[in-house]
N, C-alpha and C. Protein backbone atom coordinates (compact mmCIF):
# COMPACT_ATOMS: atom_id res chain seq x y z
N MET A 1 -38.33 9.90 -139.77
CA MET A 1 -38.96 11.07 -139.67
C MET A 1 -39.53 11.61 -138.31
N ARG A 2 -38.89 12.77 -138.08
CA ARG A 2 -39.38 13.12 -136.79
C ARG A 2 -41.11 13.49 -137.25
N ALA A 3 -42.01 13.54 -136.12
CA ALA A 3 -43.30 13.36 -136.30
C ALA A 3 -43.49 15.15 -136.35
N SER A 4 -42.70 16.01 -136.18
CA SER A 4 -42.99 17.53 -136.43
C SER A 4 -43.02 18.02 -137.89
N LEU A 5 -42.54 16.73 -138.43
CA LEU A 5 -42.25 17.58 -140.00
C LEU A 5 -43.15 16.54 -140.92
N PRO A 6 -43.88 17.60 -142.00
CA PRO A 6 -44.76 16.79 -142.81
C PRO A 6 -43.98 15.91 -143.64
N PRO A 7 -44.56 15.09 -144.36
CA PRO A 7 -43.94 14.16 -145.50
C PRO A 7 -43.06 14.97 -146.50
N GLY A 8 -42.11 14.76 -146.92
CA GLY A 8 -41.43 15.26 -147.99
C GLY A 8 -39.72 15.26 -147.80
N GLN A 9 -39.13 16.23 -148.30
CA GLN A 9 -37.58 16.17 -148.12
C GLN A 9 -37.35 16.40 -146.77
N PRO A 10 -36.03 15.78 -146.40
CA PRO A 10 -35.80 16.05 -145.23
C PRO A 10 -35.42 17.64 -144.76
N SER A 11 -35.50 17.88 -143.40
CA SER A 11 -35.50 19.42 -143.28
C SER A 11 -33.93 19.91 -142.81
N VAL A 12 -33.75 21.03 -143.67
CA VAL A 12 -32.41 21.14 -143.39
C VAL A 12 -32.13 23.05 -142.93
N PRO A 13 -31.85 22.23 -141.20
CA PRO A 13 -31.88 23.31 -140.16
C PRO A 13 -30.93 24.51 -140.40
N GLY A 14 -31.52 25.77 -139.37
CA GLY A 14 -30.87 26.62 -139.46
C GLY A 14 -31.06 27.78 -140.81
N MET A 15 -31.84 27.40 -141.90
CA MET A 15 -32.12 28.17 -143.05
C MET A 15 -32.67 29.51 -142.81
N PRO A 16 -31.93 30.65 -143.23
CA PRO A 16 -32.62 31.69 -143.06
C PRO A 16 -33.76 31.95 -143.77
N ASN A 17 -34.68 32.95 -143.30
CA ASN A 17 -35.58 33.17 -144.14
C ASN A 17 -35.71 34.40 -144.99
N VAL A 18 -35.30 34.55 -145.90
CA VAL A 18 -34.88 36.15 -146.72
C VAL A 18 -35.38 35.81 -147.98
N PRO A 19 -36.25 36.59 -148.20
CA PRO A 19 -37.26 36.69 -149.23
C PRO A 19 -36.55 37.23 -150.47
N GLY A 20 -36.60 36.59 -151.63
CA GLY A 20 -35.93 36.99 -153.07
C GLY A 20 -37.03 37.37 -153.88
N GLY A 21 -36.74 38.49 -154.82
CA GLY A 21 -37.87 38.41 -155.84
C GLY A 21 -38.08 37.49 -157.00
N PRO A 22 -39.16 37.06 -157.64
CA PRO A 22 -39.53 36.00 -158.47
C PRO A 22 -38.58 36.05 -159.79
N HIS A 23 -38.37 36.89 -159.98
CA HIS A 23 -37.38 37.17 -161.28
C HIS A 23 -36.14 37.41 -161.20
N GLU A 24 -35.27 37.75 -159.88
CA GLU A 24 -34.08 38.36 -159.64
C GLU A 24 -33.16 37.33 -159.18
N PRO A 25 -31.66 37.43 -159.52
CA PRO A 25 -31.12 36.57 -158.53
C PRO A 25 -31.37 36.33 -157.39
N TRP A 26 -30.91 35.53 -156.45
CA TRP A 26 -31.31 35.46 -155.23
C TRP A 26 -29.90 34.79 -154.46
N LYS A 27 -29.26 35.51 -153.52
CA LYS A 27 -28.09 35.41 -152.75
C LYS A 27 -28.13 35.63 -151.27
N PRO A 28 -28.68 34.55 -150.67
CA PRO A 28 -28.56 34.72 -149.15
C PRO A 28 -27.29 34.94 -148.07
N GLY A 29 -27.32 35.77 -147.75
CA GLY A 29 -26.04 36.54 -147.02
C GLY A 29 -24.96 35.87 -147.48
N GLY A 30 -24.49 36.10 -148.50
CA GLY A 30 -23.09 35.74 -148.70
C GLY A 30 -22.93 34.15 -149.06
N ALA A 31 -24.12 33.46 -148.51
CA ALA A 31 -24.06 31.99 -148.70
C ALA A 31 -24.75 31.46 -150.05
N GLY A 32 -24.48 30.23 -150.23
CA GLY A 32 -25.41 29.40 -151.28
C GLY A 32 -24.84 30.28 -152.49
N PHE A 33 -25.89 29.80 -153.74
CA PHE A 33 -25.65 29.88 -155.37
C PHE A 33 -26.88 30.92 -155.62
N SER A 34 -26.22 31.68 -156.55
CA SER A 34 -27.27 32.59 -157.04
C SER A 34 -27.99 32.19 -158.32
N MET A 35 -29.23 32.38 -158.45
CA MET A 35 -29.59 31.81 -159.54
C MET A 35 -31.14 32.25 -159.76
N SER A 36 -31.58 33.02 -161.31
CA SER A 36 -32.65 33.26 -161.55
C SER A 36 -34.13 32.54 -161.36
N ALA A 37 -35.03 33.02 -160.97
CA ALA A 37 -36.20 32.08 -160.88
C ALA A 37 -36.49 31.32 -162.30
N ASP A 38 -36.14 32.07 -163.26
CA ASP A 38 -36.32 30.91 -164.84
C ASP A 38 -35.23 30.16 -164.70
N GLU A 39 -34.02 30.50 -164.42
CA GLU A 39 -33.10 29.32 -164.40
C GLU A 39 -33.41 28.22 -163.68
N PHE A 40 -33.87 28.46 -162.58
CA PHE A 40 -34.52 27.72 -161.12
C PHE A 40 -35.58 26.79 -161.94
N GLU A 41 -36.38 27.35 -162.63
CA GLU A 41 -37.47 26.80 -163.29
C GLU A 41 -37.11 25.98 -164.41
N ALA A 42 -36.32 26.21 -165.09
CA ALA A 42 -35.72 25.66 -166.33
C ALA A 42 -35.13 24.19 -165.55
N ALA A 43 -34.30 24.53 -164.27
CA ALA A 43 -33.52 22.86 -164.18
C ALA A 43 -34.97 22.02 -163.21
N VAL A 44 -35.86 22.83 -162.78
CA VAL A 44 -37.04 21.72 -162.43
C VAL A 44 -37.36 21.08 -163.65
N SER A 45 -37.98 21.92 -164.78
CA SER A 45 -38.40 21.28 -165.69
C SER A 45 -37.65 20.39 -166.20
N ASP A 46 -36.19 20.50 -166.54
CA ASP A 46 -35.22 19.35 -166.90
C ASP A 46 -35.33 18.16 -165.99
N ALA A 47 -35.62 18.67 -164.69
CA ALA A 47 -35.50 17.55 -163.96
C ALA A 47 -36.59 16.36 -163.97
N LEU A 48 -37.93 17.05 -164.39
CA LEU A 48 -39.43 16.47 -164.67
C LEU A 48 -39.21 15.84 -165.99
N ASP A 49 -38.41 16.56 -166.59
CA ASP A 49 -38.23 15.64 -168.48
C ASP A 49 -37.03 14.75 -168.46
N SER A 50 -36.61 14.22 -167.26
CA SER A 50 -35.73 13.40 -167.26
C SER A 50 -36.49 11.88 -166.15
N ILE A 51 -37.25 12.13 -166.03
CA ILE A 51 -38.50 10.99 -165.40
C ILE A 51 -38.64 10.10 -166.97
N PRO A 52 -38.11 8.88 -166.83
CA PRO A 52 -38.65 8.00 -167.60
C PRO A 52 -40.09 8.24 -168.06
N PRO A 53 -40.25 7.70 -169.59
CA PRO A 53 -41.36 8.13 -170.17
C PRO A 53 -42.68 7.17 -169.47
N ARG A 54 -42.15 6.10 -169.19
CA ARG A 54 -43.30 4.76 -168.86
C ARG A 54 -43.71 5.45 -167.50
N LEU A 55 -42.97 6.25 -166.38
CA LEU A 55 -43.08 6.70 -165.28
C LEU A 55 -44.12 8.09 -165.45
N ALA A 56 -43.67 8.73 -166.25
CA ALA A 56 -44.45 9.97 -166.57
C ALA A 56 -45.80 9.91 -166.72
N ARG A 57 -45.92 8.71 -167.87
CA ARG A 57 -47.48 8.62 -168.05
C ARG A 57 -48.20 8.02 -166.79
N ALA A 58 -47.77 7.54 -166.20
CA ALA A 58 -48.32 6.71 -164.59
C ALA A 58 -48.45 7.90 -163.75
N MET A 59 -48.11 8.80 -163.78
CA MET A 59 -48.39 10.06 -162.54
C MET A 59 -49.88 10.37 -163.20
N ASP A 60 -50.76 10.64 -162.29
CA ASP A 60 -52.16 10.92 -162.20
C ASP A 60 -52.55 12.31 -161.51
N ASN A 61 -52.94 13.23 -161.85
CA ASN A 61 -53.45 14.07 -161.40
C ASN A 61 -52.26 14.55 -160.12
N VAL A 62 -51.32 15.26 -160.61
CA VAL A 62 -50.45 15.86 -160.04
C VAL A 62 -49.72 17.42 -160.49
N ALA A 63 -49.70 18.20 -159.72
CA ALA A 63 -49.37 19.57 -160.42
C ALA A 63 -47.72 19.75 -159.62
N VAL A 64 -46.95 20.43 -160.43
CA VAL A 64 -45.40 20.58 -159.64
C VAL A 64 -45.69 22.29 -159.81
N PHE A 65 -44.98 22.86 -158.27
CA PHE A 65 -44.98 24.28 -158.11
C PHE A 65 -43.80 24.34 -157.33
N ILE A 66 -43.30 25.65 -158.02
CA ILE A 66 -41.86 26.25 -157.06
C ILE A 66 -42.40 27.20 -156.54
N GLU A 67 -42.00 27.43 -155.28
CA GLU A 67 -42.20 28.18 -154.24
C GLU A 67 -40.61 28.74 -153.77
N ASP A 68 -40.76 29.81 -153.14
CA ASP A 68 -39.21 30.40 -152.47
C ASP A 68 -39.08 29.63 -151.31
N ARG A 69 -39.68 29.20 -150.13
CA ARG A 69 -39.58 28.48 -149.22
C ARG A 69 -40.64 28.15 -148.44
N TYR A 70 -40.48 26.73 -147.80
CA TYR A 70 -41.57 26.01 -147.11
C TYR A 70 -42.03 27.21 -145.97
N VAL A 71 -43.26 27.39 -145.60
CA VAL A 71 -43.47 28.24 -144.33
C VAL A 71 -44.15 27.13 -143.40
N PRO A 72 -43.44 26.75 -142.43
CA PRO A 72 -43.79 25.86 -141.21
C PRO A 72 -45.18 26.17 -140.56
N HIS A 73 -45.96 25.24 -140.62
CA HIS A 73 -47.77 25.47 -140.23
C HIS A 73 -47.68 25.31 -138.51
N PRO A 74 -48.61 25.92 -137.85
CA PRO A 74 -48.63 25.86 -136.43
C PRO A 74 -48.25 24.58 -136.06
N GLY A 75 -47.48 24.66 -134.79
CA GLY A 75 -46.85 23.42 -134.05
C GLY A 75 -45.81 22.99 -134.59
N GLU A 76 -45.38 23.24 -136.01
CA GLU A 76 -44.04 22.77 -136.30
C GLU A 76 -43.06 23.78 -135.74
N ASP A 77 -41.98 23.16 -135.86
CA ASP A 77 -40.96 23.63 -135.75
C ASP A 77 -40.46 25.06 -136.40
N PRO A 78 -40.59 26.24 -136.00
CA PRO A 78 -40.43 27.60 -137.04
C PRO A 78 -39.34 27.74 -137.85
N GLU A 79 -38.23 27.06 -137.39
CA GLU A 79 -36.71 26.76 -138.37
C GLU A 79 -37.18 25.57 -139.29
N THR A 80 -38.17 25.00 -139.56
CA THR A 80 -38.14 24.03 -140.31
C THR A 80 -37.97 24.38 -141.61
N SER A 81 -37.17 23.61 -142.63
CA SER A 81 -37.00 24.27 -143.95
C SER A 81 -36.71 22.87 -145.00
N LEU A 82 -37.62 22.71 -145.85
CA LEU A 82 -37.71 21.62 -146.57
C LEU A 82 -37.20 22.31 -148.14
N LEU A 83 -36.61 21.19 -148.80
CA LEU A 83 -36.18 21.12 -150.19
C LEU A 83 -37.39 20.79 -151.21
N GLY A 84 -38.41 19.99 -150.63
CA GLY A 84 -39.56 19.45 -151.72
C GLY A 84 -40.35 19.20 -150.67
N LEU A 85 -41.50 18.98 -150.99
CA LEU A 85 -42.69 18.65 -150.47
C LEU A 85 -44.05 17.85 -151.22
N TYR A 86 -44.44 16.82 -151.22
CA TYR A 86 -45.56 16.09 -151.57
C TYR A 86 -46.59 16.06 -150.65
N GLU A 87 -47.57 16.60 -151.41
CA GLU A 87 -49.13 16.72 -150.59
C GLU A 87 -49.97 16.30 -151.53
N GLY A 88 -50.87 14.88 -151.09
CA GLY A 88 -51.67 14.35 -151.61
C GLY A 88 -52.02 12.77 -151.30
N VAL A 89 -52.37 12.18 -151.96
CA VAL A 89 -52.75 10.57 -151.82
C VAL A 89 -51.74 9.93 -152.84
N PRO A 90 -50.93 9.12 -152.75
CA PRO A 90 -50.22 8.48 -153.44
C PRO A 90 -51.03 7.45 -153.89
N LEU A 91 -50.32 7.20 -155.09
CA LEU A 91 -51.45 6.16 -156.19
C LEU A 91 -51.49 4.76 -155.54
N THR A 92 -50.79 4.31 -154.81
CA THR A 92 -50.71 3.27 -154.16
C THR A 92 -51.77 3.01 -153.09
N GLU A 93 -52.54 4.28 -152.78
CA GLU A 93 -53.46 4.28 -151.54
C GLU A 93 -54.88 4.90 -151.99
N ARG A 94 -55.01 4.96 -153.43
CA ARG A 94 -56.31 5.72 -153.89
C ARG A 94 -57.15 4.56 -154.27
N ASP A 95 -58.23 4.65 -154.00
CA ASP A 95 -59.30 3.42 -154.38
C ASP A 95 -60.26 4.25 -155.23
N SER A 96 -61.28 3.07 -155.47
CA SER A 96 -62.37 3.62 -156.67
C SER A 96 -62.99 5.00 -156.52
N TRP A 97 -62.69 5.31 -155.30
CA TRP A 97 -63.93 6.68 -155.02
C TRP A 97 -63.26 8.08 -155.16
N TRP A 98 -61.52 7.80 -155.28
CA TRP A 98 -60.77 8.71 -155.14
C TRP A 98 -61.06 9.88 -156.10
N GLY A 99 -61.06 9.39 -157.33
CA GLY A 99 -61.28 10.55 -158.66
C GLY A 99 -62.45 11.61 -158.37
N ALA A 100 -63.48 11.14 -157.85
CA ALA A 100 -64.62 11.78 -157.62
C ALA A 100 -64.27 13.05 -157.21
N GLY A 101 -64.04 14.02 -157.77
CA GLY A 101 -63.62 15.44 -157.33
C GLY A 101 -62.40 15.99 -156.75
N SER A 102 -61.47 15.03 -156.57
CA SER A 102 -60.23 15.18 -156.03
C SER A 102 -59.51 16.35 -156.36
N LEU A 103 -58.65 16.99 -155.72
CA LEU A 103 -57.87 18.10 -156.19
C LEU A 103 -56.59 17.07 -156.78
N PRO A 104 -55.95 18.07 -157.36
CA PRO A 104 -54.59 17.21 -157.69
C PRO A 104 -53.74 17.10 -156.47
N ASP A 105 -52.48 16.23 -156.42
CA ASP A 105 -51.52 15.98 -155.50
C ASP A 105 -50.97 17.36 -156.23
N ARG A 106 -49.97 17.51 -155.09
CA ARG A 106 -49.24 18.98 -155.29
C ARG A 106 -47.93 18.47 -154.82
N ILE A 107 -47.04 18.89 -155.75
CA ILE A 107 -45.22 18.74 -155.30
C ILE A 107 -44.84 20.11 -155.61
N THR A 108 -44.02 20.33 -154.49
CA THR A 108 -43.67 21.77 -154.53
C THR A 108 -42.08 21.67 -154.31
N ILE A 109 -41.28 22.68 -154.94
CA ILE A 109 -39.78 22.59 -154.74
C ILE A 109 -39.71 23.88 -154.15
N TYR A 110 -38.73 23.78 -153.30
CA TYR A 110 -38.20 25.22 -152.46
C TYR A 110 -37.25 25.58 -153.31
N ARG A 111 -36.97 26.65 -153.66
CA ARG A 111 -36.14 27.48 -154.70
C ARG A 111 -35.08 27.66 -153.71
N GLU A 112 -35.39 28.79 -152.72
CA GLU A 112 -34.33 29.26 -151.90
C GLU A 112 -33.66 28.38 -150.65
N ALA A 113 -34.43 27.27 -150.45
CA ALA A 113 -33.76 26.36 -149.85
C ALA A 113 -32.89 25.40 -150.35
N ILE A 114 -33.04 25.15 -151.39
CA ILE A 114 -32.26 24.54 -152.27
C ILE A 114 -30.72 25.25 -152.85
N LEU A 115 -31.33 26.63 -153.04
CA LEU A 115 -29.99 27.57 -153.63
C LEU A 115 -28.98 27.50 -152.25
N ASP A 116 -29.43 27.64 -151.09
CA ASP A 116 -29.06 28.14 -149.71
C ASP A 116 -27.98 26.85 -149.49
N ILE A 117 -28.17 25.71 -150.17
CA ILE A 117 -27.06 24.57 -149.52
C ILE A 117 -26.14 24.41 -150.87
N CYS A 118 -26.45 25.18 -151.92
CA CYS A 118 -25.68 24.64 -153.05
C CYS A 118 -24.49 25.53 -153.25
N ALA A 119 -23.10 25.52 -153.81
CA ALA A 119 -22.12 26.14 -154.29
C ALA A 119 -22.08 26.60 -155.43
N SER A 120 -22.59 25.76 -156.52
CA SER A 120 -22.53 25.96 -157.99
C SER A 120 -23.68 25.61 -158.80
N ARG A 121 -23.74 25.58 -160.27
CA ARG A 121 -24.73 25.59 -161.00
C ARG A 121 -25.17 23.87 -160.79
N ASP A 122 -23.77 23.57 -161.14
CA ASP A 122 -24.07 21.90 -161.06
C ASP A 122 -24.55 21.14 -159.66
N GLU A 123 -24.35 21.78 -158.91
CA GLU A 123 -24.97 21.45 -157.45
C GLU A 123 -26.31 21.74 -157.05
N VAL A 124 -26.93 22.66 -157.84
CA VAL A 124 -28.10 23.11 -157.78
C VAL A 124 -28.82 22.13 -158.85
N ILE A 125 -28.32 21.70 -160.01
CA ILE A 125 -29.05 20.84 -160.99
C ILE A 125 -29.20 19.58 -160.44
N HIS A 126 -28.03 18.89 -159.33
CA HIS A 126 -28.32 17.88 -159.01
C HIS A 126 -29.12 17.71 -157.73
N GLU A 127 -29.30 19.01 -156.98
CA GLU A 127 -30.01 18.68 -156.08
C GLU A 127 -31.45 19.16 -156.11
N VAL A 128 -31.79 19.71 -157.29
CA VAL A 128 -33.24 19.90 -157.90
C VAL A 128 -33.67 18.46 -158.53
N ALA A 129 -32.81 17.70 -159.07
CA ALA A 129 -33.00 16.34 -159.81
C ALA A 129 -33.47 15.40 -158.69
N VAL A 130 -32.52 15.61 -157.35
CA VAL A 130 -32.68 14.71 -156.34
C VAL A 130 -34.32 14.80 -155.77
N THR A 131 -34.30 16.22 -155.57
CA THR A 131 -35.53 16.56 -154.76
C THR A 131 -36.72 16.12 -155.91
N VAL A 132 -36.78 16.51 -156.98
CA VAL A 132 -37.70 16.22 -157.76
C VAL A 132 -38.38 14.63 -157.97
N VAL A 133 -37.16 13.74 -158.07
CA VAL A 133 -37.01 12.16 -158.13
C VAL A 133 -37.82 11.76 -156.24
N HIS A 134 -37.21 12.50 -155.68
CA HIS A 134 -37.77 12.11 -154.20
C HIS A 134 -39.24 12.43 -154.18
N GLU A 135 -39.74 13.52 -154.55
CA GLU A 135 -41.44 14.01 -154.21
C GLU A 135 -42.13 13.23 -155.24
N VAL A 136 -41.44 12.78 -156.54
CA VAL A 136 -42.62 12.15 -157.38
C VAL A 136 -42.58 10.39 -156.89
N ALA A 137 -41.27 10.15 -156.38
CA ALA A 137 -41.26 8.81 -155.72
C ALA A 137 -42.64 8.58 -154.54
N HIS A 138 -42.75 9.85 -153.93
CA HIS A 138 -43.81 9.67 -152.87
C HIS A 138 -45.40 9.68 -153.43
N HIS A 139 -45.26 10.24 -154.98
CA HIS A 139 -46.54 10.22 -155.37
C HIS A 139 -46.79 8.55 -155.92
N PHE A 140 -45.67 7.69 -155.92
CA PHE A 140 -45.91 6.57 -156.15
C PHE A 140 -45.95 5.82 -155.11
N GLY A 141 -46.20 6.22 -153.92
CA GLY A 141 -46.03 5.71 -152.59
C GLY A 141 -44.98 5.45 -151.97
N ILE A 142 -43.79 5.81 -152.24
CA ILE A 142 -42.64 5.28 -151.98
C ILE A 142 -42.36 6.08 -150.52
N ASP A 143 -41.96 5.52 -149.43
CA ASP A 143 -41.69 6.40 -148.12
C ASP A 143 -40.31 6.94 -148.10
N ASP A 144 -40.04 7.83 -147.15
CA ASP A 144 -38.55 8.26 -146.91
C ASP A 144 -37.68 6.94 -146.54
N ASP A 145 -38.10 6.17 -145.81
CA ASP A 145 -37.22 5.33 -145.30
C ASP A 145 -36.63 4.35 -146.70
N ARG A 146 -37.36 3.78 -147.40
CA ARG A 146 -36.85 3.27 -148.65
C ARG A 146 -36.16 4.14 -149.44
N LEU A 147 -36.83 5.46 -149.89
CA LEU A 147 -36.04 6.49 -150.36
C LEU A 147 -34.45 6.66 -150.03
N HIS A 148 -34.29 6.83 -148.73
CA HIS A 148 -33.09 6.46 -148.06
C HIS A 148 -32.28 5.45 -148.50
N GLU A 149 -32.55 4.47 -148.41
CA GLU A 149 -32.20 2.89 -148.71
C GLU A 149 -31.87 2.94 -150.15
N LEU A 150 -32.40 3.55 -151.09
CA LEU A 150 -32.14 3.78 -152.59
C LEU A 150 -30.98 4.79 -152.78
N GLY A 151 -31.18 5.68 -151.82
CA GLY A 151 -29.94 6.93 -152.17
C GLY A 151 -30.67 8.05 -152.65
N TRP A 152 -31.81 8.26 -152.26
CA TRP A 152 -32.63 9.35 -152.80
C TRP A 152 -33.18 10.20 -151.91
N GLY A 153 -32.53 9.92 -150.74
CA GLY A 153 -32.82 10.53 -149.29
C GLY A 153 -32.99 11.79 -149.26
């Protein structure tokens, strides 16, 4: 992974930054697939529900959000576009003091970036599932190199 990118799903270069309303279908400049925010949220919920119960029970203090687009931080390439992002302390790195007042880890799934690269509902559902698994894996301490080896990169 390039040093300028935060941990998370690989970047998709050249994605336009076109805002879409939170409850209306969104289609960027004739490319990608249109899906309402509610339909996209259902796809994310289904992907989370597909996590095996034993793993889901092992997840600790993590919240999942959906946002339209990743906003690059100062010093990052302004063209950076992520499909998902995990922010937090992986379970494998937590010590006995971790829980004392710690905020939840955060997984964010970026709706517009995923819609940009998909041409059908099935592609969106697949990409959401892959992105959710990828970011949840980071919560369990699995890095990008290993995820790529496993086919979840």
